[in-house]
Structures are given as C-alpha cells and as structure tokens.
Amino acid sequence: MAETAHDDVKTLSFEAALEQLELIVQKLESGRAPLAESIAIYERGEALKAHCETLLRTAEARIEKITLSREGKAVGVEPLDAN
C-alpha cells in the first residue's frame, strides 16, 4: 500500500488533529499563504477533518447510557441506542 503525504494524520489524537486544523483555517483565512502552499495545507486540512470525523464516530459508538437506581447508583450500562 502506498503511503500518502498525510499518513501521519492517522496517528494524531483528536485534540492534536483539531489544533492543527484550527491553525490551517487561520492561515488560509489570513490570505497570506502563496497559492501552492494554500493548496497543500488545504489538502492536509481535509485529511485532518476526515480523521477527526472518524475519531468522533468511533467515540459515539462507544458511548454507553448508565442506568441509575432510585438512590442514584449505577446499576447497569446499555448501548446508547438501545430502547
């Protein structure tokens, strides 16, 4: 499998990827980057966005609803989407 220029994105935590994405947005919004650099950082931003979305979907899939007793103690957990 061929490596892409943005394979390192896959190793970033959500927070690190989001921080990099915010910096890219700031740089692009400033309009100070040359065209070639703007295109390159935009492509990295797309990779970061996709990675963040994947991490969020994974986290959402793991969320569990805690069932509480009348006393407020956790008595069990069930998947969030269970009815």
N, C-alpha and C. Protein backbone atom coordinates (compact mmCIF):
# COMPACT_ATOMS: atom_id res chain seq x y z
N MET A 1 0.84 -1.18 0.00
CA MET A 1 0.00 0.00 0.00
C MET A 1 0.89 1.25 0.00
N ALA A 2 0.62 2.14 -0.87
CA ALA A 2 1.43 3.36 -0.99
C ALA A 2 1.10 4.33 0.13
N GLU A 3 2.13 4.94 0.68
CA GLU A 3 1.91 5.94 1.71
C GLU A 3 1.60 7.28 1.06
N THR A 4 0.72 8.03 1.71
CA THR A 4 0.41 9.36 1.21
C THR A 4 1.13 10.39 2.06
N ALA A 5 1.10 11.63 1.60
CA ALA A 5 1.77 12.71 2.32
C ALA A 5 1.13 12.98 3.68
N HIS A 6 -0.07 12.48 3.89
CA HIS A 6 -0.79 12.79 5.13
C HIS A 6 -1.02 11.56 6.01
N ASP A 7 -0.23 10.50 5.81
CA ASP A 7 -0.39 9.30 6.62
C ASP A 7 -0.16 9.56 8.11
N ASP A 8 0.66 10.56 8.45
CA ASP A 8 0.93 10.87 9.85
C ASP A 8 -0.32 11.34 10.58
N VAL A 9 -1.30 11.84 9.83
CA VAL A 9 -2.55 12.32 10.43
C VAL A 9 -3.24 11.19 11.19
N LYS A 10 -3.14 9.98 10.69
CA LYS A 10 -3.81 8.83 11.30
C LYS A 10 -3.32 8.52 12.70
N THR A 11 -2.15 9.01 13.05
CA THR A 11 -1.59 8.74 14.37
C THR A 11 -1.91 9.82 15.39
N LEU A 12 -2.53 10.91 14.96
CA LEU A 12 -2.80 12.04 15.86
C LEU A 12 -4.01 11.78 16.74
N SER A 13 -3.96 12.31 17.95
CA SER A 13 -5.14 12.29 18.80
C SER A 13 -6.15 13.28 18.23
N PHE A 14 -7.38 13.19 18.69
CA PHE A 14 -8.41 14.12 18.24
C PHE A 14 -8.01 15.55 18.53
N GLU A 15 -7.51 15.78 19.73
CA GLU A 15 -7.14 17.14 20.14
C GLU A 15 -6.01 17.70 19.29
N ALA A 16 -5.00 16.88 19.02
CA ALA A 16 -3.86 17.33 18.20
C ALA A 16 -4.30 17.62 16.77
N ALA A 17 -5.14 16.75 16.23
CA ALA A 17 -5.64 16.95 14.86
C ALA A 17 -6.49 18.21 14.78
N LEU A 18 -7.34 18.42 15.76
CA LEU A 18 -8.19 19.60 15.78
C LEU A 18 -7.36 20.88 15.89
N GLU A 19 -6.33 20.84 16.72
CA GLU A 19 -5.45 22.01 16.87
C GLU A 19 -4.77 22.35 15.54
N GLN A 20 -4.26 21.32 14.86
CA GLN A 20 -3.63 21.55 13.56
C GLN A 20 -4.64 22.09 12.55
N LEU A 21 -5.84 21.56 12.58
CA LEU A 21 -6.89 22.01 11.66
C LEU A 21 -7.23 23.48 11.91
N GLU A 22 -7.30 23.87 13.17
CA GLU A 22 -7.58 25.27 13.50
C GLU A 22 -6.48 26.19 12.99
N LEU A 23 -5.23 25.76 13.10
CA LEU A 23 -4.11 26.56 12.60
C LEU A 23 -4.17 26.70 11.07
N ILE A 24 -4.56 25.64 10.40
CA ILE A 24 -4.69 25.68 8.95
C ILE A 24 -5.79 26.66 8.54
N VAL A 25 -6.92 26.60 9.23
CA VAL A 25 -8.02 27.52 8.93
C VAL A 25 -7.57 28.96 9.11
N GLN A 26 -6.87 29.25 10.21
CA GLN A 26 -6.37 30.60 10.45
C GLN A 26 -5.44 31.06 9.33
N LYS A 27 -4.55 30.17 8.92
CA LYS A 27 -3.59 30.53 7.88
C LYS A 27 -4.30 30.79 6.55
N LEU A 28 -5.26 29.93 6.20
CA LEU A 28 -5.99 30.12 4.95
C LEU A 28 -6.84 31.39 4.99
N GLU A 29 -7.46 31.65 6.13
CA GLU A 29 -8.30 32.85 6.25
C GLU A 29 -7.48 34.13 6.19
N SER A 30 -6.22 34.06 6.59
CA SER A 30 -5.38 35.25 6.57
C SER A 30 -5.05 35.68 5.15
N GLY A 31 -5.08 34.73 4.21
CA GLY A 31 -4.79 35.04 2.82
C GLY A 31 -3.32 35.33 2.55
N ARG A 32 -2.47 35.01 3.49
CA ARG A 32 -1.05 35.33 3.34
C ARG A 32 -0.22 34.20 2.75
N ALA A 33 -0.80 33.02 2.61
CA ALA A 33 -0.03 31.89 2.07
C ALA A 33 -0.06 31.93 0.55
N PRO A 34 1.06 31.62 -0.08
CA PRO A 34 1.08 31.54 -1.54
C PRO A 34 0.12 30.43 -2.01
N LEU A 35 -0.29 30.50 -3.26
CA LEU A 35 -1.28 29.57 -3.79
C LEU A 35 -0.87 28.11 -3.61
N ALA A 36 0.33 27.76 -3.98
CA ALA A 36 0.78 26.36 -3.88
C ALA A 36 0.73 25.87 -2.43
N GLU A 37 1.16 26.73 -1.50
CA GLU A 37 1.11 26.36 -0.08
C GLU A 37 -0.33 26.26 0.40
N SER A 38 -1.18 27.15 -0.05
CA SER A 38 -2.59 27.12 0.33
C SER A 38 -3.24 25.81 -0.09
N ILE A 39 -2.92 25.37 -1.29
CA ILE A 39 -3.48 24.11 -1.78
C ILE A 39 -2.98 22.94 -0.93
N ALA A 40 -1.70 22.93 -0.63
CA ALA A 40 -1.11 21.85 0.17
C ALA A 40 -1.71 21.80 1.57
N ILE A 41 -1.83 22.96 2.21
CA ILE A 41 -2.36 22.95 3.57
C ILE A 41 -3.87 22.68 3.57
N TYR A 42 -4.56 23.07 2.50
CA TYR A 42 -5.98 22.74 2.39
C TYR A 42 -6.15 21.22 2.31
N GLU A 43 -5.30 20.56 1.52
CA GLU A 43 -5.37 19.11 1.41
C GLU A 43 -5.09 18.44 2.76
N ARG A 44 -4.13 18.98 3.51
CA ARG A 44 -3.86 18.44 4.84
C ARG A 44 -5.06 18.68 5.75
N GLY A 45 -5.67 19.84 5.62
CA GLY A 45 -6.86 20.14 6.41
C GLY A 45 -7.98 19.15 6.13
N GLU A 46 -8.15 18.77 4.89
CA GLU A 46 -9.16 17.77 4.52
C GLU A 46 -8.86 16.43 5.19
N ALA A 47 -7.58 16.03 5.21
CA ALA A 47 -7.18 14.79 5.85
C ALA A 47 -7.43 14.87 7.37
N LEU A 48 -7.11 16.01 7.96
CA LEU A 48 -7.34 16.19 9.40
C LEU A 48 -8.83 16.16 9.73
N LYS A 49 -9.64 16.80 8.91
CA LYS A 49 -11.09 16.81 9.11
C LYS A 49 -11.66 15.39 9.06
N ALA A 50 -11.24 14.63 8.06
CA ALA A 50 -11.71 13.25 7.92
C ALA A 50 -11.29 12.42 9.13
N HIS A 51 -10.07 12.62 9.60
CA HIS A 51 -9.58 11.88 10.77
C HIS A 51 -10.38 12.23 12.02
N CYS A 52 -10.65 13.51 12.22
CA CYS A 52 -11.45 13.94 13.37
C CYS A 52 -12.86 13.34 13.30
N GLU A 53 -13.45 13.34 12.13
CA GLU A 53 -14.79 12.76 11.97
C GLU A 53 -14.78 11.27 12.29
N THR A 54 -13.75 10.56 11.86
CA THR A 54 -13.64 9.13 12.16
C THR A 54 -13.51 8.90 13.66
N LEU A 55 -12.66 9.69 14.31
CA LEU A 55 -12.49 9.55 15.76
C LEU A 55 -13.79 9.86 16.49
N LEU A 56 -14.53 10.85 16.05
CA LEU A 56 -15.80 11.18 16.70
C LEU A 56 -16.81 10.06 16.52
N ARG A 57 -16.91 9.50 15.31
CA ARG A 57 -17.84 8.39 15.08
C ARG A 57 -17.49 7.19 15.95
N THR A 58 -16.19 6.93 16.10
CA THR A 58 -15.74 5.83 16.95
C THR A 58 -16.13 6.08 18.40
N ALA A 59 -15.92 7.30 18.86
CA ALA A 59 -16.27 7.65 20.24
C ALA A 59 -17.77 7.55 20.47
N GLU A 60 -18.55 8.03 19.52
CA GLU A 60 -20.01 7.96 19.66
C GLU A 60 -20.48 6.53 19.74
N ALA A 61 -19.84 5.64 18.99
CA ALA A 61 -20.23 4.23 19.00
C ALA A 61 -19.95 3.59 20.36
N ARG A 62 -19.04 4.16 21.11
CA ARG A 62 -18.66 3.59 22.41
C ARG A 62 -19.44 4.17 23.58
N ILE A 63 -20.18 5.23 23.32
CA ILE A 63 -20.92 5.86 24.42
C ILE A 63 -21.96 4.89 24.96
N GLU A 64 -22.02 4.80 26.24
CA GLU A 64 -22.99 3.94 26.87
C GLU A 64 -23.87 4.77 27.81
N LYS A 65 -25.11 4.35 27.89
CA LYS A 65 -26.03 5.02 28.81
C LYS A 65 -25.99 4.26 30.14
N ILE A 66 -25.78 4.97 31.21
CA ILE A 66 -25.72 4.36 32.53
C ILE A 66 -27.11 4.40 33.14
N THR A 67 -27.57 3.25 33.58
CA THR A 67 -28.86 3.15 34.24
C THR A 67 -28.65 3.38 35.74
N LEU A 68 -29.41 4.32 36.29
CA LEU A 68 -29.26 4.65 37.71
C LEU A 68 -30.44 4.11 38.50
N SER A 69 -30.16 3.68 39.74
CA SER A 69 -31.22 3.26 40.65
C SER A 69 -31.86 4.50 41.26
N ARG A 70 -32.90 4.32 42.03
CA ARG A 70 -33.56 5.45 42.68
C ARG A 70 -32.61 6.20 43.61
N GLU A 71 -31.63 5.49 44.12
CA GLU A 71 -30.65 6.10 45.02
C GLU A 71 -29.55 6.82 44.26
N GLY A 72 -29.57 6.74 42.94
CA GLY A 72 -28.58 7.41 42.13
C GLY A 72 -27.32 6.61 41.88
N LYS A 73 -27.36 5.31 42.19
CA LYS A 73 -26.20 4.46 41.97
C LYS A 73 -26.31 3.79 40.60
N ALA A 74 -25.17 3.63 39.94
CA ALA A 74 -25.14 2.97 38.65
C ALA A 74 -25.47 1.49 38.85
N VAL A 75 -26.48 1.00 38.13
CA VAL A 75 -26.87 -0.40 38.26
C VAL A 75 -26.64 -1.17 36.97
N GLY A 76 -26.29 -0.51 35.93
CA GLY A 76 -26.03 -1.21 34.68
C GLY A 76 -25.77 -0.24 33.56
N VAL A 77 -25.23 -0.76 32.52
CA VAL A 77 -25.00 0.07 31.33
C VAL A 77 -25.61 -0.63 30.14
N GLU A 78 -26.01 0.14 29.17
CA GLU A 78 -26.54 -0.39 27.93
C GLU A 78 -26.11 0.53 26.80
N PRO A 79 -26.07 0.00 25.59
CA PRO A 79 -25.69 0.87 24.48
C PRO A 79 -26.61 2.08 24.39
N LEU A 80 -26.08 3.21 23.94
CA LEU A 80 -26.83 4.44 23.85
C LEU A 80 -28.06 4.30 23.00
N ASP A 81 -28.00 3.54 21.91
CA ASP A 81 -29.14 3.44 21.01
C ASP A 81 -30.12 2.36 21.38
N ALA A 82 -29.92 1.65 22.50
CA ALA A 82 -30.86 0.62 22.92
C ALA A 82 -32.12 1.24 23.47
N ASN A 83 -33.24 0.63 23.18
CA ASN A 83 -34.53 1.14 23.68
C ASN A 83 -35.21 0.12 24.55
